[in-house]
Amino acid sequence: MFALIAVTLIGVVRNTSRVKEDAAIGIVFTSLFALGLVLISVTPSQTDLNHIIFGNLLGVSVPDLIQVLVLGVVAFAILILKRRDLTLYAFDPTHAHAIGLSPKRLGALLLGLLALTSVVALQTVGVVLVVAMLIIPGATAYLLTDRFSRMLVIAPVISALCSIAGIYLSYYLDTASGAMVVLTQGAAFAVVYLFSPRQGLIGTRLAMARRRKTAALAA
């Protein structure tokens, strides 16, 4: 129910204002989450806010895992089947409309899949980890390559590796598992941000220094 409301509000904000889709997602999701926290705070409840915010990765039940797996397979299958249309919509909605596709329907489909997976994941991994999984791996992959097809491979690989590393670190350091996964992803992004050969803050300067040195030696 709330997933459908979120999708509708995101579409309304995107289509009736200058706010872009990513900003609309952030505004609506965080606002609805804040509303939920307010309702919990004023209503007598035994709900553990730490589990809502940070999740409980080490206490996920089998039914929750099955639910996430089934919906994940459904979302993945739809994305594979509609990957060309969704990619065209994401980069050039005008051209998509010109060849007979409906940008509104594709946008609604993409937002629906995002809302579905996010709401289901919230039940097990918490708000912080869901937001981190949506943003950090993609941003890290974007700094490593300019090819969209490679980003689609690099981002989930980074996400999986950071999740495994974060869980092991949380075990040995006796810390919150969800928060440690997010911290590991943030550390990976920081390393790439600094040392990526093409986009890294330090990596690009080192590459330029090597080129200048090579040019000087050649001269």
N, C-alpha and C. Protein backbone atom coordinates (compact mmCIF):
# COMPACT_ATOMS: atom_id res chain seq x y z
N MET A 1 0.83 -1.20 0.00
CA MET A 1 0.00 0.00 0.00
C MET A 1 0.87 1.26 0.00
N PHE A 2 1.78 1.34 1.00
CA PHE A 2 2.64 2.51 1.07
C PHE A 2 3.64 2.56 -0.08
N ALA A 3 4.00 1.39 -0.63
CA ALA A 3 4.88 1.39 -1.79
C ALA A 3 4.19 2.05 -2.98
N LEU A 4 2.91 1.74 -3.17
CA LEU A 4 2.15 2.36 -4.26
C LEU A 4 2.00 3.86 -4.04
N ILE A 5 1.76 4.26 -2.79
CA ILE A 5 1.66 5.69 -2.48
C ILE A 5 2.98 6.39 -2.78
N ALA A 6 4.09 5.75 -2.40
CA ALA A 6 5.40 6.34 -2.64
C ALA A 6 5.66 6.51 -4.13
N VAL A 7 5.35 5.46 -4.92
CA VAL A 7 5.55 5.54 -6.37
C VAL A 7 4.71 6.65 -6.97
N THR A 8 3.46 6.76 -6.53
CA THR A 8 2.57 7.79 -7.06
C THR A 8 3.10 9.19 -6.73
N LEU A 9 3.53 9.38 -5.50
CA LEU A 9 4.04 10.70 -5.10
C LEU A 9 5.32 11.05 -5.86
N ILE A 10 6.18 10.07 -6.05
CA ILE A 10 7.42 10.32 -6.80
C ILE A 10 7.10 10.74 -8.23
N GLY A 11 6.16 10.03 -8.85
CA GLY A 11 5.76 10.38 -10.21
C GLY A 11 5.14 11.75 -10.29
N VAL A 12 4.32 12.10 -9.31
CA VAL A 12 3.69 13.42 -9.31
C VAL A 12 4.73 14.52 -9.17
N VAL A 13 5.65 14.37 -8.24
CA VAL A 13 6.70 15.38 -8.03
C VAL A 13 7.57 15.52 -9.27
N ARG A 14 7.91 14.39 -9.89
CA ARG A 14 8.77 14.42 -11.07
C ARG A 14 8.07 15.07 -12.26
N ASN A 15 6.80 14.78 -12.44
CA ASN A 15 6.09 15.25 -13.64
C ASN A 15 5.51 16.65 -13.50
N THR A 16 5.39 17.16 -12.30
CA THR A 16 4.76 18.46 -12.11
C THR A 16 5.72 19.53 -11.59
N SER A 17 7.01 19.24 -11.58
CA SER A 17 7.98 20.22 -11.11
C SER A 17 9.30 20.03 -11.84
N ARG A 18 10.26 20.88 -11.52
CA ARG A 18 11.59 20.78 -12.12
C ARG A 18 12.49 19.81 -11.39
N VAL A 19 11.98 19.22 -10.32
CA VAL A 19 12.77 18.27 -9.52
C VAL A 19 12.99 16.99 -10.31
N LYS A 20 14.24 16.53 -10.36
CA LYS A 20 14.56 15.32 -11.11
C LYS A 20 14.15 14.08 -10.33
N GLU A 21 14.19 12.95 -11.05
CA GLU A 21 13.67 11.71 -10.49
C GLU A 21 14.43 11.26 -9.26
N ASP A 22 15.77 11.34 -9.29
CA ASP A 22 16.55 10.88 -8.14
C ASP A 22 16.27 11.74 -6.91
N ALA A 23 16.13 13.06 -7.12
CA ALA A 23 15.80 13.93 -6.00
C ALA A 23 14.39 13.65 -5.48
N ALA A 24 13.46 13.38 -6.39
CA ALA A 24 12.08 13.06 -5.97
C ALA A 24 12.05 11.79 -5.14
N ILE A 25 12.83 10.79 -5.52
CA ILE A 25 12.89 9.54 -4.76
C ILE A 25 13.40 9.82 -3.35
N GLY A 26 14.46 10.60 -3.25
CA GLY A 26 15.01 10.92 -1.94
C GLY A 26 14.03 11.69 -1.07
N ILE A 27 13.35 12.66 -1.67
CA ILE A 27 12.40 13.48 -0.91
C ILE A 27 11.24 12.64 -0.40
N VAL A 28 10.63 11.86 -1.27
CA VAL A 28 9.44 11.08 -0.89
C VAL A 28 9.79 9.97 0.09
N PHE A 29 10.84 9.20 -0.19
CA PHE A 29 11.20 8.10 0.69
C PHE A 29 11.55 8.58 2.09
N THR A 30 12.39 9.61 2.18
CA THR A 30 12.80 10.10 3.49
C THR A 30 11.64 10.75 4.24
N SER A 31 10.76 11.43 3.52
CA SER A 31 9.61 12.06 4.16
C SER A 31 8.65 11.01 4.71
N LEU A 32 8.36 9.97 3.92
CA LEU A 32 7.48 8.91 4.40
C LEU A 32 8.11 8.14 5.56
N PHE A 33 9.42 7.96 5.51
CA PHE A 33 10.09 7.29 6.62
C PHE A 33 10.00 8.13 7.89
N ALA A 34 10.20 9.45 7.74
CA ALA A 34 10.07 10.34 8.90
C ALA A 34 8.64 10.31 9.45
N LEU A 35 7.66 10.24 8.57
CA LEU A 35 6.27 10.13 9.00
C LEU A 35 6.05 8.87 9.81
N GLY A 36 6.63 7.77 9.35
CA GLY A 36 6.52 6.52 10.09
C GLY A 36 7.14 6.61 11.47
N LEU A 37 8.30 7.26 11.57
CA LEU A 37 8.94 7.43 12.88
C LEU A 37 8.09 8.28 13.81
N VAL A 38 7.47 9.32 13.26
CA VAL A 38 6.60 10.17 14.07
C VAL A 38 5.40 9.37 14.59
N LEU A 39 4.79 8.58 13.72
CA LEU A 39 3.65 7.77 14.14
C LEU A 39 4.03 6.77 15.21
N ILE A 40 5.22 6.16 15.07
CA ILE A 40 5.67 5.21 16.07
C ILE A 40 5.94 5.91 17.40
N SER A 41 6.48 7.14 17.34
CA SER A 41 6.83 7.85 18.56
C SER A 41 5.61 8.30 19.36
N VAL A 42 4.48 8.54 18.68
CA VAL A 42 3.29 9.02 19.38
C VAL A 42 2.30 7.90 19.68
N THR A 43 2.57 6.71 19.17
CA THR A 43 1.67 5.57 19.39
C THR A 43 2.38 4.53 20.24
N PRO A 44 1.79 4.07 21.32
CA PRO A 44 2.42 3.02 22.13
C PRO A 44 2.71 1.79 21.29
N SER A 45 3.99 1.39 21.26
CA SER A 45 4.38 0.26 20.41
C SER A 45 5.66 -0.36 20.95
N GLN A 46 5.85 -1.64 20.65
CA GLN A 46 7.06 -2.35 21.05
C GLN A 46 8.07 -2.43 19.90
N THR A 47 7.86 -1.62 18.86
CA THR A 47 8.72 -1.65 17.68
C THR A 47 10.13 -1.16 18.03
N ASP A 48 11.13 -1.92 17.61
CA ASP A 48 12.52 -1.55 17.84
C ASP A 48 13.00 -0.68 16.69
N LEU A 49 13.24 0.61 16.97
CA LEU A 49 13.65 1.52 15.90
C LEU A 49 15.03 1.19 15.37
N ASN A 50 15.90 0.60 16.17
CA ASN A 50 17.23 0.23 15.68
C ASN A 50 17.14 -0.79 14.56
N HIS A 51 16.19 -1.73 14.66
CA HIS A 51 16.02 -2.72 13.60
C HIS A 51 15.46 -2.08 12.34
N ILE A 52 14.61 -1.06 12.50
CA ILE A 52 14.05 -0.37 11.33
C ILE A 52 15.13 0.43 10.62
N ILE A 53 15.97 1.10 11.39
CA ILE A 53 16.98 1.99 10.80
C ILE A 53 18.17 1.19 10.27
N PHE A 54 18.70 0.28 11.10
CA PHE A 54 19.92 -0.43 10.73
C PHE A 54 19.67 -1.88 10.32
N GLY A 55 18.46 -2.37 10.53
CA GLY A 55 18.16 -3.74 10.16
C GLY A 55 18.73 -4.75 11.14
N ASN A 56 18.54 -6.01 10.82
CA ASN A 56 19.06 -7.10 11.64
C ASN A 56 19.50 -8.22 10.71
N LEU A 57 20.61 -8.00 10.03
CA LEU A 57 21.07 -8.93 9.00
C LEU A 57 21.30 -10.34 9.55
N LEU A 58 21.75 -10.44 10.79
CA LEU A 58 22.08 -11.75 11.34
C LEU A 58 20.86 -12.46 11.91
N GLY A 59 19.70 -11.79 11.88
CA GLY A 59 18.49 -12.40 12.42
C GLY A 59 17.38 -12.51 11.40
N VAL A 60 17.73 -12.51 10.12
CA VAL A 60 16.72 -12.61 9.07
C VAL A 60 16.12 -14.01 9.05
N SER A 61 14.81 -14.08 9.04
CA SER A 61 14.13 -15.38 9.07
C SER A 61 14.09 -16.01 7.68
N VAL A 62 13.84 -17.30 7.65
CA VAL A 62 13.75 -18.02 6.37
C VAL A 62 12.62 -17.48 5.49
N PRO A 63 11.42 -17.22 6.03
CA PRO A 63 10.37 -16.64 5.18
C PRO A 63 10.76 -15.30 4.57
N ASP A 64 11.48 -14.48 5.34
CA ASP A 64 11.94 -13.20 4.79
C ASP A 64 12.92 -13.41 3.65
N LEU A 65 13.82 -14.37 3.81
CA LEU A 65 14.79 -14.67 2.75
C LEU A 65 14.08 -15.16 1.49
N ILE A 66 13.08 -16.01 1.66
CA ILE A 66 12.34 -16.52 0.51
C ILE A 66 11.61 -15.39 -0.19
N GLN A 67 11.01 -14.49 0.60
CA GLN A 67 10.29 -13.36 0.02
C GLN A 67 11.22 -12.46 -0.77
N VAL A 68 12.38 -12.16 -0.19
CA VAL A 68 13.35 -11.31 -0.89
C VAL A 68 13.85 -12.00 -2.16
N LEU A 69 14.10 -13.31 -2.07
CA LEU A 69 14.60 -14.05 -3.23
C LEU A 69 13.58 -14.06 -4.36
N VAL A 70 12.33 -14.34 -4.04
CA VAL A 70 11.28 -14.41 -5.07
C VAL A 70 11.10 -13.05 -5.74
N LEU A 71 10.95 -12.01 -4.95
CA LEU A 71 10.75 -10.68 -5.52
C LEU A 71 11.99 -10.19 -6.24
N GLY A 72 13.17 -10.59 -5.75
CA GLY A 72 14.40 -10.23 -6.45
C GLY A 72 14.49 -10.87 -7.82
N VAL A 73 14.09 -12.14 -7.91
CA VAL A 73 14.09 -12.84 -9.20
C VAL A 73 13.09 -12.19 -10.15
N VAL A 74 11.91 -11.83 -9.64
CA VAL A 74 10.90 -11.17 -10.48
C VAL A 74 11.42 -9.84 -11.01
N ALA A 75 11.99 -9.02 -10.11
CA ALA A 75 12.52 -7.72 -10.52
C ALA A 75 13.66 -7.87 -11.52
N PHE A 76 14.54 -8.86 -11.27
CA PHE A 76 15.67 -9.08 -12.18
C PHE A 76 15.19 -9.52 -13.55
N ALA A 77 14.18 -10.40 -13.60
CA ALA A 77 13.66 -10.88 -14.88
C ALA A 77 13.04 -9.74 -15.68
N ILE A 78 12.29 -8.88 -15.00
CA ILE A 78 11.67 -7.74 -15.69
C ILE A 78 12.73 -6.79 -16.22
N LEU A 79 13.76 -6.54 -15.41
CA LEU A 79 14.84 -5.65 -15.85
C LEU A 79 15.59 -6.22 -17.05
N ILE A 80 15.80 -7.53 -17.06
CA ILE A 80 16.48 -8.16 -18.20
C ILE A 80 15.62 -8.06 -19.46
N LEU A 81 14.34 -8.34 -19.32
CA LEU A 81 13.44 -8.32 -20.48
C LEU A 81 13.27 -6.91 -21.04
N LYS A 82 13.26 -5.92 -20.16
CA LYS A 82 13.01 -4.54 -20.59
C LYS A 82 14.27 -3.67 -20.53
N ARG A 83 15.45 -4.31 -20.52
CA ARG A 83 16.68 -3.55 -20.30
C ARG A 83 16.94 -2.52 -21.40
N ARG A 84 16.64 -2.86 -22.66
CA ARG A 84 16.88 -1.93 -23.75
C ARG A 84 15.96 -0.72 -23.65
N ASP A 85 14.69 -0.98 -23.39
CA ASP A 85 13.72 0.11 -23.28
C ASP A 85 14.03 0.99 -22.07
N LEU A 86 14.36 0.37 -20.95
CA LEU A 86 14.65 1.15 -19.74
C LEU A 86 15.93 1.95 -19.88
N THR A 87 16.93 1.38 -20.55
CA THR A 87 18.17 2.12 -20.77
C THR A 87 17.93 3.33 -21.67
N LEU A 88 17.17 3.13 -22.74
CA LEU A 88 16.85 4.24 -23.63
C LEU A 88 16.04 5.31 -22.91
N TYR A 89 15.09 4.88 -22.09
CA TYR A 89 14.29 5.84 -21.32
C TYR A 89 15.16 6.64 -20.36
N ALA A 90 16.12 5.96 -19.71
CA ALA A 90 16.97 6.64 -18.73
C ALA A 90 17.87 7.69 -19.37
N PHE A 91 18.35 7.43 -20.60
CA PHE A 91 19.30 8.33 -21.21
C PHE A 91 18.67 9.29 -22.23
N ASP A 92 17.59 8.87 -22.87
CA ASP A 92 16.98 9.72 -23.89
C ASP A 92 15.48 9.44 -24.00
N PRO A 93 14.69 9.95 -23.04
CA PRO A 93 13.24 9.69 -23.08
C PRO A 93 12.56 10.26 -24.32
N THR A 94 13.12 11.33 -24.88
CA THR A 94 12.54 11.93 -26.09
C THR A 94 12.63 10.96 -27.26
N HIS A 95 13.80 10.34 -27.43
CA HIS A 95 13.97 9.35 -28.50
C HIS A 95 13.09 8.13 -28.25
N ALA A 96 12.96 7.72 -26.96
CA ALA A 96 12.09 6.59 -26.63
C ALA A 96 10.66 6.88 -27.06
N HIS A 97 10.20 8.10 -26.82
CA HIS A 97 8.84 8.48 -27.22
C HIS A 97 8.71 8.51 -28.74
N ALA A 98 9.77 8.95 -29.43
CA ALA A 98 9.74 9.06 -30.89
C ALA A 98 9.62 7.71 -31.58
N ILE A 99 10.13 6.64 -30.97
CA ILE A 99 10.07 5.33 -31.60
C ILE A 99 8.87 4.51 -31.10
N GLY A 100 7.97 5.16 -30.36
CA GLY A 100 6.73 4.50 -29.98
C GLY A 100 6.66 3.99 -28.56
N LEU A 101 7.69 4.20 -27.77
CA LEU A 101 7.65 3.78 -26.38
C LEU A 101 6.97 4.84 -25.52
N SER A 102 6.47 4.45 -24.38
CA SER A 102 5.82 5.38 -23.47
C SER A 102 6.75 5.68 -22.30
N PRO A 103 7.37 6.86 -22.26
CA PRO A 103 8.25 7.20 -21.14
C PRO A 103 7.55 7.15 -19.79
N LYS A 104 6.27 7.55 -19.75
CA LYS A 104 5.54 7.52 -18.48
C LYS A 104 5.39 6.10 -17.95
N ARG A 105 5.06 5.18 -18.85
CA ARG A 105 4.90 3.79 -18.41
C ARG A 105 6.24 3.19 -18.00
N LEU A 106 7.29 3.48 -18.75
CA LEU A 106 8.60 2.96 -18.39
C LEU A 106 9.07 3.54 -17.07
N GLY A 107 8.81 4.84 -16.86
CA GLY A 107 9.17 5.46 -15.60
C GLY A 107 8.40 4.86 -14.44
N ALA A 108 7.10 4.61 -14.65
CA ALA A 108 6.29 4.00 -13.60
C ALA A 108 6.76 2.58 -13.30
N LEU A 109 7.15 1.83 -14.35
CA LEU A 109 7.66 0.48 -14.16
C LEU A 109 8.95 0.49 -13.34
N LEU A 110 9.85 1.39 -13.69
CA LEU A 110 11.13 1.47 -12.98
C LEU A 110 10.94 1.88 -11.53
N LEU A 111 10.08 2.86 -11.31
CA LEU A 111 9.82 3.31 -9.95
C LEU A 111 9.10 2.22 -9.14
N GLY A 112 8.21 1.49 -9.80
CA GLY A 112 7.50 0.41 -9.13
C GLY A 112 8.45 -0.68 -8.67
N LEU A 113 9.38 -1.07 -9.54
CA LEU A 113 10.36 -2.08 -9.17
C LEU A 113 11.25 -1.59 -8.03
N LEU A 114 11.64 -0.33 -8.10
CA LEU A 114 12.48 0.25 -7.04
C LEU A 114 11.74 0.27 -5.71
N ALA A 115 10.49 0.71 -5.73
CA ALA A 115 9.71 0.78 -4.51
C ALA A 115 9.46 -0.61 -3.94
N LEU A 116 9.17 -1.56 -4.80
CA LEU A 116 8.89 -2.93 -4.34
C LEU A 116 10.09 -3.54 -3.65
N THR A 117 11.23 -3.47 -4.29
CA THR A 117 12.44 -4.06 -3.70
C THR A 117 12.86 -3.31 -2.44
N SER A 118 12.70 -2.00 -2.43
CA SER A 118 13.10 -1.21 -1.26
C SER A 118 12.23 -1.52 -0.05
N VAL A 119 10.92 -1.55 -0.26
CA VAL A 119 10.00 -1.80 0.85
C VAL A 119 10.19 -3.21 1.41
N VAL A 120 10.40 -4.19 0.54
CA VAL A 120 10.63 -5.55 1.01
C VAL A 120 11.95 -5.64 1.76
N ALA A 121 12.98 -4.99 1.24
CA ALA A 121 14.29 -5.03 1.89
C ALA A 121 14.28 -4.31 3.23
N LEU A 122 13.44 -3.29 3.37
CA LEU A 122 13.36 -2.55 4.63
C LEU A 122 13.00 -3.48 5.78
N GLN A 123 12.24 -4.50 5.52
CA GLN A 123 11.80 -5.40 6.57
C GLN A 123 12.95 -6.20 7.17
N THR A 124 14.04 -6.33 6.42
CA THR A 124 15.13 -7.18 6.87
C THR A 124 16.44 -6.44 7.11
N VAL A 125 16.76 -5.45 6.27
CA VAL A 125 18.08 -4.82 6.36
C VAL A 125 18.03 -3.37 6.82
N GLY A 126 16.85 -2.78 6.95
CA GLY A 126 16.77 -1.43 7.49
C GLY A 126 16.93 -0.34 6.46
N VAL A 127 16.57 0.87 6.87
CA VAL A 127 16.56 2.01 5.96
C VAL A 127 17.96 2.40 5.51
N VAL A 128 18.90 2.46 6.45
CA VAL A 128 20.25 2.92 6.13
C VAL A 128 20.90 2.03 5.08
N LEU A 129 20.78 0.71 5.26
CA LEU A 129 21.41 -0.22 4.32
C LEU A 129 20.73 -0.19 2.96
N VAL A 130 19.42 -0.04 2.93
CA VAL A 130 18.71 0.03 1.65
C VAL A 130 19.17 1.25 0.86
N VAL A 131 19.21 2.40 1.50
CA VAL A 131 19.65 3.63 0.82
C VAL A 131 21.09 3.48 0.35
N ALA A 132 21.94 2.90 1.20
CA ALA A 132 23.35 2.72 0.83
C ALA A 132 23.49 1.79 -0.36
N MET A 133 22.72 0.69 -0.37
CA MET A 133 22.79 -0.27 -1.47
C MET A 133 22.30 0.35 -2.78
N LEU A 134 21.37 1.28 -2.70
CA LEU A 134 20.85 1.91 -3.90
C LEU A 134 21.83 2.92 -4.49
N ILE A 135 22.60 3.58 -3.64
CA ILE A 135 23.39 4.72 -4.09
C ILE A 135 24.88 4.42 -4.21
N ILE A 136 25.48 3.90 -3.14
CA ILE A 136 26.95 3.83 -3.09
C ILE A 136 27.55 2.91 -4.16
N PRO A 137 27.07 1.66 -4.36
CA PRO A 137 27.71 0.82 -5.38
C PRO A 137 27.64 1.42 -6.78
N GLY A 138 26.49 2.01 -7.14
CA GLY A 138 26.38 2.64 -8.45
C GLY A 138 27.31 3.83 -8.60
N ALA A 139 27.41 4.65 -7.55
CA ALA A 139 28.30 5.80 -7.60
C ALA A 139 29.76 5.36 -7.71
N THR A 140 30.11 4.28 -7.01
CA THR A 140 31.48 3.76 -7.07
C THR A 140 31.79 3.23 -8.47
N ALA A 141 30.85 2.47 -9.04
CA ALA A 141 31.05 1.93 -10.38
C ALA A 141 31.17 3.05 -11.42
N TYR A 142 30.42 4.13 -11.20
CA TYR A 142 30.45 5.26 -12.14
C TYR A 142 31.83 5.90 -12.21
N LEU A 143 32.57 5.85 -11.09
CA LEU A 143 33.92 6.41 -11.07
C LEU A 143 34.96 5.48 -11.68
N LEU A 144 34.57 4.22 -11.90
CA LEU A 144 35.52 3.24 -12.43
C LEU A 144 35.40 3.04 -13.93
N THR A 145 34.24 3.31 -14.51
CA THR A 145 34.06 3.07 -15.94
C THR A 145 33.03 4.03 -16.52
N ASP A 146 33.13 4.26 -17.82
CA ASP A 146 32.16 5.11 -18.51
C ASP A 146 31.12 4.29 -19.26
N ARG A 147 31.30 2.98 -19.33
CA ARG A 147 30.38 2.11 -20.06
C ARG A 147 29.28 1.61 -19.14
N PHE A 148 28.05 1.84 -19.55
CA PHE A 148 26.90 1.49 -18.72
C PHE A 148 26.82 -0.01 -18.48
N SER A 149 27.14 -0.81 -19.49
CA SER A 149 27.08 -2.27 -19.35
C SER A 149 28.05 -2.76 -18.27
N ARG A 150 29.21 -2.14 -18.19
CA ARG A 150 30.17 -2.53 -17.16
C ARG A 150 29.72 -2.07 -15.78
N MET A 151 29.08 -0.91 -15.72
CA MET A 151 28.56 -0.45 -14.43
C MET A 151 27.56 -1.44 -13.85
N LEU A 152 26.73 -2.03 -14.72
CA LEU A 152 25.72 -2.99 -14.26
C LEU A 152 26.35 -4.24 -13.66
N VAL A 153 27.59 -4.52 -14.03
CA VAL A 153 28.30 -5.67 -13.46
C VAL A 153 29.11 -5.25 -12.23
N ILE A 154 29.80 -4.13 -12.34
CA ILE A 154 30.68 -3.68 -11.26
C ILE A 154 29.90 -3.34 -10.00
N ALA A 155 28.77 -2.65 -10.15
CA ALA A 155 28.00 -2.20 -8.99
C ALA A 155 27.54 -3.36 -8.10
N PRO A 156 26.88 -4.39 -8.63
CA PRO A 156 26.48 -5.50 -7.74
C PRO A 156 27.66 -6.28 -7.17
N VAL A 157 28.75 -6.36 -7.93
CA VAL A 157 29.95 -7.06 -7.40
C VAL A 157 30.49 -6.30 -6.19
N ILE A 158 30.60 -4.98 -6.31
CA ILE A 158 31.06 -4.17 -5.18
C ILE A 158 30.12 -4.32 -4.00
N SER A 159 28.83 -4.29 -4.28
CA SER A 159 27.83 -4.42 -3.22
C SER A 159 27.97 -5.75 -2.49
N ALA A 160 28.13 -6.83 -3.24
CA ALA A 160 28.25 -8.17 -2.62
C ALA A 160 29.53 -8.30 -1.81
N LEU A 161 30.65 -7.84 -2.38
CA LEU A 161 31.93 -7.96 -1.68
C LEU A 161 31.94 -7.13 -0.40
N CYS A 162 31.39 -5.92 -0.47
CA CYS A 162 31.35 -5.06 0.72
C CYS A 162 30.41 -5.65 1.78
N SER A 163 29.34 -6.28 1.35
CA SER A 163 28.41 -6.91 2.30
C SER A 163 29.10 -8.05 3.04
N ILE A 164 29.81 -8.89 2.30
CA ILE A 164 30.52 -10.01 2.92
C ILE A 164 31.60 -9.49 3.87
N ALA A 165 32.39 -8.52 3.39
CA ALA A 165 33.45 -7.97 4.23
C ALA A 165 32.88 -7.28 5.46
N GLY A 166 31.79 -6.55 5.29
CA GLY A 166 31.18 -5.84 6.42
C GLY A 166 30.65 -6.78 7.48
N ILE A 167 30.04 -7.89 7.06
CA ILE A 167 29.51 -8.87 8.02
C ILE A 167 30.64 -9.54 8.79
N TYR A 168 31.72 -9.90 8.09
CA TYR A 168 32.86 -10.50 8.79
C TYR A 168 33.50 -9.52 9.77
N LEU A 169 33.64 -8.27 9.35
CA LEU A 169 34.21 -7.26 10.24
C LEU A 169 33.33 -7.03 11.46
N SER A 170 32.02 -7.01 11.25
CA SER A 170 31.11 -6.81 12.38
C SER A 170 31.21 -7.96 13.38
N TYR A 171 31.49 -9.16 12.87
CA TYR A 171 31.64 -10.32 13.77
C TYR A 171 32.91 -10.19 14.61
N TYR A 172 34.02 -9.87 13.95
CA TYR A 172 35.30 -9.81 14.68
C TYR A 172 35.43 -8.55 15.54
N LEU A 173 34.78 -7.46 15.12
CA LEU A 173 34.85 -6.21 15.89
C LEU A 173 33.69 -6.03 16.84
N ASP A 174 32.71 -6.96 16.78
CA ASP A 174 31.53 -6.92 17.64
C ASP A 174 30.77 -5.60 17.47
N THR A 175 30.41 -5.31 16.23
CA THR A 175 29.68 -4.08 15.91
C THR A 175 28.38 -4.43 15.18
N ALA A 176 27.55 -3.43 14.92
CA ALA A 176 26.30 -3.64 14.20
C ALA A 176 26.60 -4.05 12.76
N SER A 177 26.00 -5.13 12.32
CA SER A 177 26.31 -5.68 11.00
C SER A 177 25.87 -4.74 9.88
N GLY A 178 24.64 -4.21 9.95
CA GLY A 178 24.16 -3.33 8.89
C GLY A 178 24.99 -2.07 8.77
N ALA A 179 25.31 -1.47 9.90
CA ALA A 179 26.12 -0.25 9.88
C ALA A 179 27.53 -0.53 9.35
N MET A 180 28.09 -1.69 9.69
CA MET A 180 29.44 -2.02 9.21
C MET A 180 29.45 -2.26 7.71
N VAL A 181 28.38 -2.85 7.17
CA VAL A 181 28.29 -3.03 5.72
C VAL A 181 28.28 -1.66 5.02
N VAL A 182 27.50 -0.74 5.56
CA VAL A 182 27.44 0.61 4.98
C VAL A 182 28.80 1.28 5.08
N LEU A 183 29.47 1.14 6.22
CA LEU A 183 30.79 1.74 6.39
C LEU A 183 31.80 1.16 5.42
N THR A 184 31.71 -0.14 5.17
CA THR A 184 32.60 -0.79 4.20
C THR A 184 32.35 -0.26 2.80
N GLN A 185 31.10 -0.08 2.44
CA GLN A 185 30.79 0.50 1.13
C GLN A 185 31.32 1.93 1.03
N GLY A 186 31.15 2.69 2.11
CA GLY A 186 31.67 4.06 2.10
C GLY A 186 33.18 4.09 1.96
N ALA A 187 33.87 3.14 2.61
CA ALA A 187 35.32 3.06 2.50
C ALA A 187 35.74 2.71 1.07
N ALA A 188 35.02 1.78 0.44
CA ALA A 188 35.31 1.41 -0.95
C ALA A 188 35.13 2.61 -1.88
N PHE A 189 34.05 3.36 -1.66
CA PHE A 189 33.83 4.56 -2.47
C PHE A 189 34.95 5.57 -2.26
N ALA A 190 35.40 5.74 -1.02
CA ALA A 190 36.46 6.70 -0.74
C ALA A 190 37.76 6.32 -1.45
N VAL A 191 38.07 5.01 -1.44
CA VAL A 191 39.29 4.55 -2.13
C VAL A 191 39.20 4.82 -3.63
N VAL A 192 38.06 4.48 -4.22
CA VAL A 192 37.88 4.71 -5.66
C VAL A 192 37.88 6.20 -5.96
N TYR A 193 37.21 6.98 -5.12
CA TYR A 193 37.16 8.44 -5.32
C TYR A 193 38.55 9.06 -5.31
N LEU A 194 39.44 8.51 -4.50
CA LEU A 194 40.79 9.07 -4.41
C LEU A 194 41.73 8.50 -5.46
N PHE A 195 41.64 7.19 -5.74
CA PHE A 195 42.68 6.53 -6.52
C PHE A 195 42.22 5.96 -7.87
N SER A 196 40.98 6.19 -8.27
CA SER A 196 40.55 5.72 -9.57
C SER A 196 41.41 6.34 -10.67
N PRO A 197 41.92 5.53 -11.62
CA PRO A 197 42.82 6.07 -12.66
C PRO A 197 42.18 7.17 -13.51
N ARG A 198 40.87 7.07 -13.76
CA ARG A 198 40.21 8.04 -14.65
C ARG A 198 39.55 9.19 -13.90
N GLN A 199 38.90 8.89 -12.77
CA GLN A 199 38.11 9.89 -12.07
C GLN A 199 38.63 10.21 -10.68
N GLY A 200 39.61 9.46 -10.17
CA GLY A 200 40.08 9.65 -8.81
C GLY A 200 40.79 10.97 -8.60
N LEU A 201 40.60 11.54 -7.44
CA LEU A 201 41.20 12.83 -7.14
C LEU A 201 42.72 12.77 -7.17
N ILE A 202 43.29 11.73 -6.57
CA ILE A 202 44.74 11.56 -6.56
C ILE A 202 45.20 10.79 -7.80
N GLY A 203 44.41 9.80 -8.22
CA GLY A 203 44.80 8.98 -9.37
C GLY A 203 44.98 9.78 -10.65
N THR A 204 44.08 10.73 -10.90
CA THR A 204 44.19 11.54 -12.12
C THR A 204 45.43 12.43 -12.08
N ARG A 205 45.75 12.95 -10.90
CA ARG A 205 46.93 13.80 -10.78
C ARG A 205 48.21 12.99 -10.96
N LEU A 206 48.22 11.77 -10.43
CA LEU A 206 49.39 10.92 -10.64
C LEU A 206 49.55 10.55 -12.11
N ALA A 207 48.42 10.29 -12.78
CA ALA A 207 48.48 9.96 -14.20
C ALA A 207 49.00 11.15 -15.01
N MET A 208 48.53 12.35 -14.67
CA MET A 208 49.01 13.54 -15.36
C MET A 208 50.50 13.76 -15.12
N ALA A 209 50.94 13.50 -13.90
CA ALA A 209 52.37 13.65 -13.58
C ALA A 209 53.21 12.67 -14.39
N ARG A 210 52.69 11.43 -14.55
CA ARG A 210 53.43 10.45 -15.35
C ARG A 210 53.51 10.88 -16.81
N ARG A 211 52.41 11.40 -17.34
CA ARG A 211 52.43 11.86 -18.73
C ARG A 211 53.42 12.99 -18.93
N ARG A 212 53.43 13.93 -18.00
CA ARG A 212 54.37 15.05 -18.12
C ARG A 212 55.81 14.57 -18.03
N LYS A 213 56.06 13.60 -17.15
CA LYS A 213 57.40 13.08 -17.02
C LYS A 213 57.82 12.34 -18.28
N THR A 214 56.87 11.55 -18.82
CA THR A 214 57.17 10.82 -20.06
C THR A 214 57.42 11.78 -21.22
N ALA A 215 56.61 12.85 -21.30
CA ALA A 215 56.79 13.83 -22.35
C ALA A 215 58.12 14.56 -22.21
N ALA A 216 58.51 14.83 -20.98
CA ALA A 216 59.79 15.52 -20.75
C ALA A 216 60.97 14.64 -21.13
N LEU A 217 60.87 13.35 -20.79
CA LEU A 217 61.95 12.43 -21.16
C LEU A 217 62.04 12.24 -22.67
N ALA A 218 60.86 12.20 -23.32
CA ALA A 218 60.84 12.03 -24.77
C ALA A 218 61.43 13.25 -25.49
N ALA A 219 61.21 14.42 -24.90
CA ALA A 219 61.74 15.64 -25.49
C ALA A 219 63.25 15.72 -25.30
